[in-house]
Structure formats: structure tokens, C-alpha cells
Amino acid sequence: MRWLILAGLVVGCGSAPFEIRSQHWTFRGAASVTPHKRHPRIAALPIIARLKGGNTDVILRGHMTKRQARRAIRLAKQVYRDFNRRLADSDRGEVTKRAVDLCLFRTTEGYWRTVEGIYGHRDFAEYGFYMGSDRLVLVNWAKSTNNIRHELAHPLIGDDFPNVPAWLNEGLASLYTSIAHKHGKVRFLDNYRLRRLKRAIRTRTVPSLHDLAHSTHENVHGRKQSLYYATGRYLLLYLERKGQLASFYRAMRSSDSTPDSQLELLERYVDHDKFVRWARRRHR
């Protein structure tokens, strides 16, 4: 299977990052680029590499040094290969959607300049985001190099599982943020979200399985965003440690994603009390 065509490493100073409030993969109320036409600011960014071989073709762009470009390619390939090997539906047929443009910015100034130039405002997260309607990922490399993994996961998930619940979407993308990669295999690691989950455990405010199944986009990205991200991430890590992440994800993808079907699957795969005890024992 062909996973990557290297288009060349690009050196330069150039466009920079912008900020966003959260790592949503869609944003309501924001002006949108014409879905099938690249904004001139995006088309002008040099191509670093192309990722192919899965359900989603990805074009990496940006004014990067050779060293930065090599790191970006390596991080992107880790997620791209693992998701398509482990979780994606390989029987979806030929890729028919336009490739996703994943744009990297070496400075926060450049990031925000591009965001404002495309959308007319800065009502976005500071680390990066995915705008599904535009097939566009923007990543503030200056803020976090590892965030490329989180944001790349969103279009891969969205193309594979169009009606993915928000908690699962963000939980899985957050899972890919912190990984170890050795001998071609990915291992998910603990990260800073464990602190948020443990605080919820102490205060007995961890979302129940019913809460997750009935959560909306607004719940997951609202004032309790950090709690839903942490709970989703660690519930999926719990399933991974049990060897059940892939089967759970595929069962969810095959369901109708209604709250009732989500709850039925969650209760089949997860004992909430055991999950909480497992999370309490973890250390970072």
C-alpha cells in the first residue's frame, strides 16, 4: 500500500499561525471557503508532502525548514498509517472527496494572519483546528508540534465515520496527541488530561456512560470541554489497554449513533466503576 509521496522539503520563513478557542473540527457561524476551491492563501503555500493510501488524501503545506518538514512528515505519517491500519473501513472504495490541506505555520503571527485572511476573524483555538466544510486543517506549529496529530485525526475520523459523536471524535483525536512510535507501531501514552480526569474523580463529577451517550456538540465543546475531552480520551485508552478499542470503534461506526445505541455499546464494553478505578491508579 502506498502511504506517502514526498513532494519535497521546503525552506523559508513565511506564513504563520493563528489562535482558536478550541480544537473543533467544524465551526458554526464562521465564513467558509468554497468547499471545492482552495483559498488563494492556501494554494500559495508550498507543498511539503502528500499522504495517500487511505480513505483520505492529505496534502501537507507550509513554509518550513527542512528539519521542521521532516518532523511534520514523520508525525503525520504515524497517525495516518495507524488510523488506516487499525480503525478505518478499508472497503469504502476509491477516495472521492477533495484532498485535505493540512497547513503548518512556524509563527503564531503567521497563523493568525492566515486565519483572519480566510475567515475574517480570530474566533478559533490557538493551537489549530479542522474546518470540515473546507477540507482544511490549520496548525499553529509555534504553539505545539504534536498538535498536528490531533488535528490530522479529525479529517481521518470524519471521512471514515461521518456521524461520529462529538465525544468520540474529540476523545480519539486527543488519544492520538500523545503517542510513542516504535518499529512502525503506535502506543498511546498518558498525558496532561489525566489530571483533569482525576480531579473529576475526586469531586465525583466524571460523566457517566449515559452522559457521554447523550452528550451533544455543545456539551463537548462547552464550559465542560476539558472534562469531556479527558473522559473520552481515557475511556478509549482504557479500551485500548483491554484490546477492545478497534472493535468498539467499528461497532460505533456500524450503529446509528443515536443516544440509545451509543449507551448500549458503552455498557457492553465499559464497566464505569472499573474504568474509574483504573484511571485513579494511573500516573503520569
C-alpha atoms as a PDB file:
ATOM      1  CA  MET A   1       0.000   0.000   0.000  1.00  0.00           C
ATOM      2  CA  ARG A   2       1.351   3.413  -0.888  1.00  0.00           C
ATOM      3  CA  TRP A   3       1.158   5.740   2.088  1.00  0.00           C
ATOM      4  CA  LEU A   4       3.291   8.739   1.239  1.00  0.00           C
ATOM      5  CA  ILE A   5       4.590  10.582  -1.778  1.00  0.00           C
ATOM      6  CA  LEU A   6       7.214  13.096  -0.723  1.00  0.00           C
ATOM      7  CA  ALA A   7       6.806  16.256  -2.720  1.00  0.00           C
ATOM      8  CA  GLY A   8       9.958  17.900  -1.446  1.00  0.00           C
ATOM      9  CA  LEU A   9      11.152  19.694   1.672  1.00  0.00           C
ATOM     10  CA  VAL A  10      10.539  23.405   1.647  1.00  0.00           C
ATOM     11  CA  VAL A  11      12.702  26.010   3.289  1.00  0.00           C
ATOM     12  CA  GLY A  12      11.580  29.523   4.067  1.00  0.00           C
ATOM     13  CA  CYS A  13      10.184  31.908   6.558  1.00  0.00           C
ATOM     14  CA  GLY A  14       6.590  32.508   5.850  1.00  0.00           C
ATOM     15  CA  SER A  15       3.021  32.325   6.831  1.00  0.00           C
ATOM     16  CA  ALA A  16       2.286  31.937  10.482  1.00  0.00           C
ATOM     17  CA  PRO A  17      -0.206  30.523  12.911  1.00  0.00           C
ATOM     18  CA  PHE A  18      -3.338  31.983  14.382  1.00  0.00           C
ATOM     19  CA  GLU A  19      -5.273  31.218  17.512  1.00  0.00           C
ATOM     20  CA  ILE A  20      -8.531  29.409  18.143  1.00  0.00           C
ATOM     21  CA  ARG A  21     -10.546  28.800  21.276  1.00  0.00           C
ATOM     22  CA  SER A  22     -10.936  25.079  20.811  1.00  0.00           C
ATOM     23  CA  GLN A  23      -9.935  22.230  18.593  1.00  0.00           C
ATOM     24  CA  HIS A  24     -13.332  21.756  16.978  1.00  0.00           C
ATOM     25  CA  TRP A  25     -13.404  20.116  13.600  1.00  0.00           C
ATOM     26  CA  THR A  26     -16.331  22.259  12.476  1.00  0.00           C
ATOM     27  CA  PHE A  27     -17.222  25.829  13.407  1.00  0.00           C
ATOM     28  CA  ARG A  28     -20.654  27.318  13.165  1.00  0.00           C
ATOM     29  CA  GLY A  29     -21.000  30.949  12.276  1.00  0.00           C
ATOM     30  CA  ALA A  30     -17.637  31.195  10.541  1.00  0.00           C
ATOM     31  CA  ALA A  31     -17.384  32.295   6.936  1.00  0.00           C
ATOM     32  CA  SER A  32     -16.462  29.295   4.808  1.00  0.00           C
ATOM     33  CA  VAL A  33     -14.112  28.857   1.910  1.00  0.00           C
ATOM     34  CA  THR A  34     -15.816  27.450  -1.178  1.00  0.00           C
ATOM     35  CA  PRO A  35     -15.645  23.704  -0.431  1.00  0.00           C
ATOM     36  CA  HIS A  36     -14.228  22.687  -3.799  1.00  0.00           C
ATOM     37  CA  LYS A  37     -11.893  25.623  -4.333  1.00  0.00           C
ATOM     38  CA  ARG A  38      -8.766  26.377  -2.343  1.00  0.00           C
ATOM     39  CA  HIS A  39      -8.449  29.838  -0.888  1.00  0.00           C
ATOM     40  CA  PRO A  40      -5.561  31.700  -2.595  1.00  0.00           C
ATOM     41  CA  ARG A  41      -3.705  31.884   0.726  1.00  0.00           C
ATOM     42  CA  ILE A  42      -3.784  28.086   0.966  1.00  0.00           C
ATOM     43  CA  ALA A  43      -2.953  27.432  -2.670  1.00  0.00           C
ATOM     44  CA  ALA A  44       0.093  29.704  -2.318  1.00  0.00           C
ATOM     45  CA  LEU A  45       1.630  27.622   0.490  1.00  0.00           C
ATOM     46  CA  PRO A  46       4.392  25.267  -0.688  1.00  0.00           C
ATOM     47  CA  ILE A  47       3.590  21.550  -0.668  1.00  0.00           C
ATOM     48  CA  ILE A  48       5.757  19.591   1.776  1.00  0.00           C
ATOM     49  CA  ALA A  49       4.348  16.106   1.177  1.00  0.00           C
ATOM     50  CA  ARG A  50       1.276  14.097   0.192  1.00  0.00           C
ATOM     51  CA  LEU A  51      -0.223  11.286   2.241  1.00  0.00           C
ATOM     52  CA  LYS A  52      -2.040   8.645   0.221  1.00  0.00           C
ATOM     53  CA  GLY A  53      -3.269   5.098   0.626  1.00  0.00           C
ATOM     54  CA  GLY A  54      -6.222   5.533   2.980  1.00  0.00           C
ATOM     55  CA  ASN A  55      -9.759   6.900   2.698  1.00  0.00           C
ATOM     56  CA  THR A  56      -8.450  10.463   2.924  1.00  0.00           C
ATOM     57  CA  ASP A  57      -5.693  12.031   0.847  1.00  0.00           C
ATOM     58  CA  VAL A  58      -3.787  14.716   2.742  1.00  0.00           C
ATOM     59  CA  ILE A  59      -1.545  17.478   1.414  1.00  0.00           C
ATOM     60  CA  LEU A  60       0.934  18.943   3.912  1.00  0.00           C
ATOM     61  CA  ARG A  61       1.721  22.597   3.232  1.00  0.00           C
ATOM     62  CA  GLY A  62       3.737  25.368   4.813  1.00  0.00           C
ATOM     63  CA  HIS A  63       6.905  27.440   4.828  1.00  0.00           C
ATOM     64  CA  MET A  64       9.046  25.112   6.931  1.00  0.00           C
ATOM     65  CA  THR A  65      12.750  24.451   7.391  1.00  0.00           C
ATOM     66  CA  LYS A  66      13.973  21.064   6.186  1.00  0.00           C
ATOM     67  CA  ARG A  67      14.226  19.848   9.761  1.00  0.00           C
ATOM     68  CA  GLN A  68      10.705  21.014  10.626  1.00  0.00           C
ATOM     69  CA  ALA A  69       9.327  19.480   7.451  1.00  0.00           C
ATOM     70  CA  ARG A  70      10.918  16.123   8.217  1.00  0.00           C
ATOM     71  CA  ARG A  71       9.438  16.145  11.727  1.00  0.00           C
ATOM     72  CA  ALA A  72       5.997  17.165  10.441  1.00  0.00           C
ATOM     73  CA  ILE A  73       6.020  14.359   7.871  1.00  0.00           C
ATOM     74  CA  ARG A  74       7.089  11.825  10.491  1.00  0.00           C
ATOM     75  CA  LEU A  75       4.365  12.856  12.952  1.00  0.00           C
ATOM     76  CA  ALA A  76       1.668  12.924  10.267  1.00  0.00           C
ATOM     77  CA  LYS A  77       2.663   9.512   8.901  1.00  0.00           C
ATOM     78  CA  GLN A  78       2.414   7.969  12.371  1.00  0.00           C
ATOM     79  CA  VAL A  79      -1.240   8.932  12.723  1.00  0.00           C
ATOM     80  CA  TYR A  80      -2.160   8.373   9.090  1.00  0.00           C
ATOM     81  CA  ARG A  81      -0.768   4.858   8.943  1.00  0.00           C
ATOM     82  CA  ASP A  82      -2.022   3.777  12.348  1.00  0.00           C
ATOM     83  CA  PHE A  83      -5.574   5.032  11.891  1.00  0.00           C
ATOM     84  CA  ASN A  84      -5.923   3.455   8.460  1.00  0.00           C
ATOM     85  CA  ARG A  85      -4.405   0.176   9.632  1.00  0.00           C
ATOM     86  CA  ARG A  86      -6.182  -0.081  12.956  1.00  0.00           C
ATOM     87  CA  LEU A  87      -9.562   1.617  12.612  1.00  0.00           C
ATOM     88  CA  ALA A  88     -10.564   2.775   9.129  1.00  0.00           C
ATOM     89  CA  ASP A  89     -13.028   0.919   6.931  1.00  0.00           C
ATOM     90  CA  SER A  90     -10.819  -0.317   4.102  1.00  0.00           C
ATOM     91  CA  ASP A  91     -13.840  -1.259   1.966  1.00  0.00           C
ATOM     92  CA  ARG A  92     -15.076   2.299   1.395  1.00  0.00           C
ATOM     93  CA  GLY A  93     -13.770   2.211  -2.169  1.00  0.00           C
ATOM     94  CA  GLU A  94     -11.999   4.941  -4.105  1.00  0.00           C
ATOM     95  CA  VAL A  95     -11.337   8.293  -2.463  1.00  0.00           C
ATOM     96  CA  THR A  96     -13.825  10.696  -3.997  1.00  0.00           C
ATOM     97  CA  LYS A  97     -13.526  13.757  -1.761  1.00  0.00           C
ATOM     98  CA  ARG A  98     -11.032  16.506  -2.405  1.00  0.00           C
ATOM     99  CA  ALA A  99      -7.781  16.061  -0.514  1.00  0.00           C
ATOM    100  CA  VAL A 100      -7.481  17.716   2.870  1.00  0.00           C
ATOM    101  CA  ASP A 101      -4.985  20.586   3.023  1.00  0.00           C
ATOM    102  CA  LEU A 102      -3.026  20.433   6.290  1.00  0.00           C
ATOM    103  CA  CYS A 103      -1.244  23.747   6.683  1.00  0.00           C
ATOM    104  CA  LEU A 104       1.542  24.337   9.188  1.00  0.00           C
ATOM    105  CA  PHE A 105       2.643  27.738  10.463  1.00  0.00           C
ATOM    106  CA  ARG A 106       6.018  28.427  12.059  1.00  0.00           C
ATOM    107  CA  THR A 107       4.869  31.531  13.907  1.00  0.00           C
ATOM    108  CA  THR A 108       1.704  32.446  15.742  1.00  0.00           C
ATOM    109  CA  GLU A 109       1.612  35.733  13.884  1.00  0.00           C
ATOM    110  CA  GLY A 110       1.546  33.927  10.560  1.00  0.00           C
ATOM    111  CA  TYR A 111      -1.113  31.518  11.805  1.00  0.00           C
ATOM    112  CA  TRP A 112      -3.445  34.322  12.833  1.00  0.00           C
ATOM    113  CA  ARG A 113      -2.732  36.330   9.710  1.00  0.00           C
ATOM    114  CA  THR A 114      -3.841  33.397   7.570  1.00  0.00           C
ATOM    115  CA  VAL A 115      -6.893  32.671   9.720  1.00  0.00           C
ATOM    116  CA  GLU A 116      -8.028  36.276   9.559  1.00  0.00           C
ATOM    117  CA  GLY A 117      -7.300  36.433   5.847  1.00  0.00           C
ATOM    118  CA  ILE A 118      -9.565  33.441   5.190  1.00  0.00           C
ATOM    119  CA  TYR A 119     -12.315  33.814   7.790  1.00  0.00           C
ATOM    120  CA  GLY A 120     -12.186  37.489   8.679  1.00  0.00           C
ATOM    121  CA  HIS A 121     -11.788  36.978  12.445  1.00  0.00           C
ATOM    122  CA  ARG A 122      -9.841  35.079  15.107  1.00  0.00           C
ATOM    123  CA  ASP A 123     -12.695  33.183  16.680  1.00  0.00           C
ATOM    124  CA  PHE A 124     -10.731  29.938  16.720  1.00  0.00           C
ATOM    125  CA  ALA A 125      -8.425  27.926  19.006  1.00  0.00           C
ATOM    126  CA  GLU A 126      -4.811  28.970  19.395  1.00  0.00           C
ATOM    127  CA  TYR A 127      -3.350  25.545  18.610  1.00  0.00           C
ATOM    128  CA  GLY A 128      -5.224  24.721  15.414  1.00  0.00           C
ATOM    129  CA  PHE A 129      -8.468  23.351  14.005  1.00  0.00           C
ATOM    130  CA  TYR A 130     -10.110  21.401  11.210  1.00  0.00           C
ATOM    131  CA  MET A 131     -12.805  23.069   9.113  1.00  0.00           C
ATOM    132  CA  GLY A 132     -14.642  20.108   7.645  1.00  0.00           C
ATOM    133  CA  SER A 133     -16.655  22.079   5.087  1.00  0.00           C
ATOM    134  CA  ASP A 134     -13.438  23.435   3.593  1.00  0.00           C
ATOM    135  CA  ARG A 135     -11.317  20.268   3.849  1.00  0.00           C
ATOM    136  CA  LEU A 136      -8.805  22.465   5.661  1.00  0.00           C
ATOM    137  CA  VAL A 137      -6.601  21.903   8.719  1.00  0.00           C
ATOM    138  CA  LEU A 138      -4.618  24.810  10.136  1.00  0.00           C
ATOM    139  CA  VAL A 139      -1.985  24.051  12.774  1.00  0.00           C
ATOM    140  CA  ASN A 140      -0.035  26.552  14.870  1.00  0.00           C
ATOM    141  CA  TRP A 141       3.321  24.781  14.837  1.00  0.00           C
ATOM    142  CA  ALA A 142       4.767  27.531  17.039  1.00  0.00           C
ATOM    143  CA  LYS A 143       2.398  26.577  19.869  1.00  0.00           C
ATOM    144  CA  SER A 144       2.699  22.799  19.663  1.00  0.00           C
ATOM    145  CA  THR A 145       4.328  20.462  17.177  1.00  0.00           C
ATOM    146  CA  ASN A 146       2.414  17.431  18.472  1.00  0.00           C
ATOM    147  CA  ASN A 147      -0.942  19.070  17.797  1.00  0.00           C
ATOM    148  CA  ILE A 148      -0.549  18.062  14.144  1.00  0.00           C
ATOM    149  CA  ARG A 149      -1.531  14.564  15.300  1.00  0.00           C
ATOM    150  CA  HIS A 150      -4.735  15.742  16.978  1.00  0.00           C
ATOM    151  CA  GLU A 151      -5.885  17.870  14.061  1.00  0.00           C
ATOM    152  CA  LEU A 152      -4.962  15.317  11.385  1.00  0.00           C
ATOM    153  CA  ALA A 153      -7.023  12.704  13.216  1.00  0.00           C
ATOM    154  CA  HIS A 154     -10.196  14.764  12.750  1.00  0.00           C
ATOM    155  CA  PRO A 155     -10.487  14.534   8.930  1.00  0.00           C
ATOM    156  CA  LEU A 156      -9.470  10.864   9.032  1.00  0.00           C
ATOM    157  CA  ILE A 157     -12.229  10.152  11.569  1.00  0.00           C
ATOM    158  CA  GLY A 158     -14.768  12.371   9.809  1.00  0.00           C
ATOM    159  CA  ASP A 159     -14.310  10.724   6.410  1.00  0.00           C
ATOM    160  CA  ASP A 160     -14.426   7.236   7.905  1.00  0.00           C
ATOM    161  CA  PHE A 161     -17.288   7.890  10.364  1.00  0.00           C
ATOM    162  CA  PRO A 162     -19.335  10.891   9.139  1.00  0.00           C
ATOM    163  CA  ASN A 163     -21.834  10.839  12.030  1.00  0.00           C
ATOM    164  CA  VAL A 164     -19.234  10.256  14.741  1.00  0.00           C
ATOM    165  CA  PRO A 165     -20.423  11.520  18.150  1.00  0.00           C
ATOM    166  CA  ALA A 166     -18.567  14.612  19.337  1.00  0.00           C
ATOM    167  CA  TRP A 167     -17.204  12.953  22.490  1.00  0.00           C
ATOM    168  CA  LEU A 168     -15.757  10.058  20.453  1.00  0.00           C
ATOM    169  CA  ASN A 169     -14.350  12.392  17.806  1.00  0.00           C
ATOM    170  CA  GLU A 170     -12.512  14.537  20.338  1.00  0.00           C
ATOM    171  CA  GLY A 171     -11.594  11.601  22.566  1.00  0.00           C
ATOM    172  CA  LEU A 172      -9.934   9.740  19.709  1.00  0.00           C
ATOM    173  CA  ALA A 173      -8.168  12.837  18.356  1.00  0.00           C
ATOM    174  CA  SER A 174      -6.928  13.558  21.892  1.00  0.00           C
ATOM    175  CA  LEU A 175      -5.740   9.965  22.158  1.00  0.00           C
ATOM    176  CA  TYR A 176      -3.529  10.434  19.106  1.00  0.00           C
ATOM    177  CA  THR A 177      -1.992  13.623  20.515  1.00  0.00           C
ATOM    178  CA  SER A 178       0.372  11.733  22.848  1.00  0.00           C
ATOM    179  CA  ILE A 179       1.873   8.564  21.415  1.00  0.00           C
ATOM    180  CA  ALA A 180       5.086   6.590  21.256  1.00  0.00           C
ATOM    181  CA  HIS A 181       6.064   5.192  17.875  1.00  0.00           C
ATOM    182  CA  LYS A 182       8.447   2.252  17.617  1.00  0.00           C
ATOM    183  CA  HIS A 183       9.027  -0.339  14.903  1.00  0.00           C
ATOM    184  CA  GLY A 184       6.054   1.005  12.952  1.00  0.00           C
ATOM    185  CA  LYS A 185       3.617   0.622  15.845  1.00  0.00           C
ATOM    186  CA  VAL A 186       1.832   3.265  17.889  1.00  0.00           C
ATOM    187  CA  ARG A 187       1.384   3.127  21.649  1.00  0.00           C
ATOM    188  CA  PHE A 188      -0.913   5.663  23.284  1.00  0.00           C
ATOM    189  CA  LEU A 189       0.564   7.422  26.318  1.00  0.00           C
ATOM    190  CA  ASP A 190      -0.750   9.214  29.359  1.00  0.00           C
ATOM    191  CA  ASN A 191      -0.803  12.988  29.096  1.00  0.00           C
ATOM    192  CA  TYR A 192      -1.931  16.156  30.869  1.00  0.00           C
ATOM    193  CA  ARG A 193      -5.622  15.282  30.506  1.00  0.00           C
ATOM    194  CA  LEU A 194      -5.199  12.670  33.245  1.00  0.00           C
ATOM    195  CA  ARG A 195      -5.010  15.487  35.800  1.00  0.00           C
ATOM    196  CA  ARG A 196      -8.409  16.792  34.720  1.00  0.00           C
ATOM    197  CA  LEU A 197      -9.962  13.334  34.891  1.00  0.00           C
ATOM    198  CA  LYS A 198      -8.509  12.657  38.340  1.00  0.00           C
ATOM    199  CA  ARG A 199      -9.866  15.959  39.619  1.00  0.00           C
ATOM    200  CA  ALA A 200     -13.298  14.900  38.390  1.00  0.00           C
ATOM    201  CA  ILE A 201     -12.866  11.533  40.106  1.00  0.00           C
ATOM    202  CA  ARG A 202     -12.067  13.266  43.405  1.00  0.00           C
ATOM    203  CA  THR A 203     -15.102  15.530  43.087  1.00  0.00           C
ATOM    204  CA  ARG A 204     -17.311  12.731  41.739  1.00  0.00           C
ATOM    205  CA  THR A 205     -18.132  14.679  38.574  1.00  0.00           C
ATOM    206  CA  VAL A 206     -16.886  12.204  35.947  1.00  0.00           C
ATOM    207  CA  PRO A 207     -19.502  11.962  33.155  1.00  0.00           C
ATOM    208  CA  SER A 208     -21.438   8.704  33.307  1.00  0.00           C
ATOM    209  CA  LEU A 209     -21.877   6.437  30.301  1.00  0.00           C
ATOM    210  CA  HIS A 210     -25.367   7.921  29.993  1.00  0.00           C
ATOM    211  CA  ASP A 211     -23.856  11.439  29.988  1.00  0.00           C
ATOM    212  CA  LEU A 212     -21.455  10.516  27.180  1.00  0.00           C
ATOM    213  CA  ALA A 213     -24.136   8.803  25.083  1.00  0.00           C
ATOM    214  CA  HIS A 214     -26.498  11.768  25.407  1.00  0.00           C
ATOM    215  CA  SER A 215     -23.865  14.493  25.041  1.00  0.00           C
ATOM    216  CA  THR A 216     -24.181  16.987  22.197  1.00  0.00           C
ATOM    217  CA  HIS A 217     -21.644  19.007  20.243  1.00  0.00           C
ATOM    218  CA  GLU A 218     -22.458  21.902  22.564  1.00  0.00           C
ATOM    219  CA  ASN A 219     -21.858  19.778  25.683  1.00  0.00           C
ATOM    220  CA  VAL A 220     -18.496  18.513  24.476  1.00  0.00           C
ATOM    221  CA  HIS A 221     -17.278  21.917  23.320  1.00  0.00           C
ATOM    222  CA  GLY A 222     -18.920  23.988  26.034  1.00  0.00           C
ATOM    223  CA  ARG A 223     -17.785  25.012  29.521  1.00  0.00           C
ATOM    224  CA  LYS A 224     -17.030  21.372  30.430  1.00  0.00           C
ATOM    225  CA  GLN A 225     -14.940  20.822  27.313  1.00  0.00           C
ATOM    226  CA  SER A 226     -11.769  19.817  29.160  1.00  0.00           C
ATOM    227  CA  LEU A 227     -13.722  17.247  31.200  1.00  0.00           C
ATOM    228  CA  TYR A 228     -15.364  15.645  28.149  1.00  0.00           C
ATOM    229  CA  TYR A 229     -12.060  15.573  26.248  1.00  0.00           C
ATOM    230  CA  ALA A 230     -10.313  13.938  29.213  1.00  0.00           C
ATOM    231  CA  THR A 231     -13.082  11.408  29.854  1.00  0.00           C
ATOM    232  CA  GLY A 232     -13.356  10.469  26.181  1.00  0.00           C
ATOM    233  CA  ARG A 233      -9.597  10.130  25.799  1.00  0.00           C
ATOM    234  CA  TYR A 234      -9.129   7.943  28.851  1.00  0.00           C
ATOM    235  CA  LEU A 235     -12.175   5.791  28.247  1.00  0.00           C
ATOM    236  CA  LEU A 236     -10.725   4.977  24.815  1.00  0.00           C
ATOM    237  CA  LEU A 237      -7.295   4.366  26.344  1.00  0.00           C
ATOM    238  CA  TYR A 238      -8.970   2.009  28.832  1.00  0.00           C
ATOM    239  CA  LEU A 239     -10.489   0.090  25.919  1.00  0.00           C
ATOM    240  CA  GLU A 240      -7.133   0.057  24.122  1.00  0.00           C
ATOM    241  CA  ARG A 241      -5.445  -1.461  27.150  1.00  0.00           C
ATOM    242  CA  LYS A 242      -8.154  -4.149  27.126  1.00  0.00           C
ATOM    243  CA  GLY A 243      -7.562  -4.781  23.413  1.00  0.00           C
ATOM    244  CA  GLN A 244     -11.047  -3.549  22.508  1.00  0.00           C
ATOM    245  CA  LEU A 245     -10.555  -0.080  21.032  1.00  0.00           C
ATOM    246  CA  ALA A 246     -10.828  -1.165  17.397  1.00  0.00           C
ATOM    247  CA  SER A 247     -13.877  -3.395  17.936  1.00  0.00           C
ATOM    248  CA  PHE A 248     -15.644  -0.675  19.944  1.00  0.00           C
ATOM    249  CA  TYR A 249     -14.935   1.996  17.323  1.00  0.00           C
ATOM    250  CA  ARG A 250     -16.147  -0.228  14.500  1.00  0.00           C
ATOM    251  CA  ALA A 251     -19.277  -1.184  16.426  1.00  0.00           C
ATOM    252  CA  MET A 252     -19.999   2.504  16.975  1.00  0.00           C
ATOM    253  CA  ARG A 253     -19.426   3.243  13.294  1.00  0.00           C
ATOM    254  CA  SER A 254     -21.861   0.466  12.311  1.00  0.00           C
ATOM    255  CA  SER A 255     -24.552   1.735  14.688  1.00  0.00           C
ATOM    256  CA  ASP A 256     -26.987   4.569  14.056  1.00  0.00           C
ATOM    257  CA  SER A 257     -25.156   6.704  16.656  1.00  0.00           C
ATOM    258  CA  THR A 258     -28.372   7.562  18.493  1.00  0.00           C
ATOM    259  CA  PRO A 259     -28.012   8.081  22.271  1.00  0.00           C
ATOM    260  CA  ASP A 260     -29.705   4.737  22.932  1.00  0.00           C
ATOM    261  CA  SER A 261     -27.398   2.783  20.624  1.00  0.00           C
ATOM    262  CA  GLN A 262     -24.338   4.577  21.987  1.00  0.00           C
ATOM    263  CA  LEU A 263     -25.357   3.763  25.547  1.00  0.00           C
ATOM    264  CA  GLU A 264     -25.982   0.118  24.687  1.00  0.00           C
ATOM    265  CA  LEU A 265     -22.487  -0.192  23.206  1.00  0.00           C
ATOM    266  CA  LEU A 266     -20.829   1.708  26.026  1.00  0.00           C
ATOM    267  CA  GLU A 267     -22.476  -0.524  28.614  1.00  0.00           C
ATOM    268  CA  ARG A 268     -21.454  -3.607  26.643  1.00  0.00           C
ATOM    269  CA  TYR A 269     -17.785  -2.596  26.521  1.00  0.00           C
ATOM    270  CA  VAL A 270     -17.231  -0.495  29.650  1.00  0.00           C
ATOM    271  CA  ASP A 271     -17.841  -1.062  33.332  1.00  0.00           C
ATOM    272  CA  HIS A 272     -17.842   2.557  34.505  1.00  0.00           C
ATOM    273  CA  ASP A 273     -16.790   1.759  38.081  1.00  0.00           C
ATOM    274  CA  LYS A 274     -13.858  -0.348  36.862  1.00  0.00           C
ATOM    275  CA  PHE A 275     -12.894   2.397  34.425  1.00  0.00           C
ATOM    276  CA  VAL A 276     -12.807   4.975  37.237  1.00  0.00           C
ATOM    277  CA  ARG A 277     -10.723   2.690  39.464  1.00  0.00           C
ATOM    278  CA  TRP A 278      -8.315   2.040  36.572  1.00  0.00           C
ATOM    279  CA  ALA A 279      -7.957   5.787  35.892  1.00  0.00           C
ATOM    280  CA  ARG A 280      -7.414   6.560  39.577  1.00  0.00           C
ATOM    281  CA  ARG A 281      -4.426   4.192  39.673  1.00  0.00           C
ATOM    282  CA  ARG A 282      -2.704   5.726  36.628  1.00  0.00           C
ATOM    283  CA  HIS A 283       0.273   8.035  36.989  1.00  0.00           C
ATOM    284  CA  ARG A 284       1.860  10.463  34.607  1.00  0.00           C
END
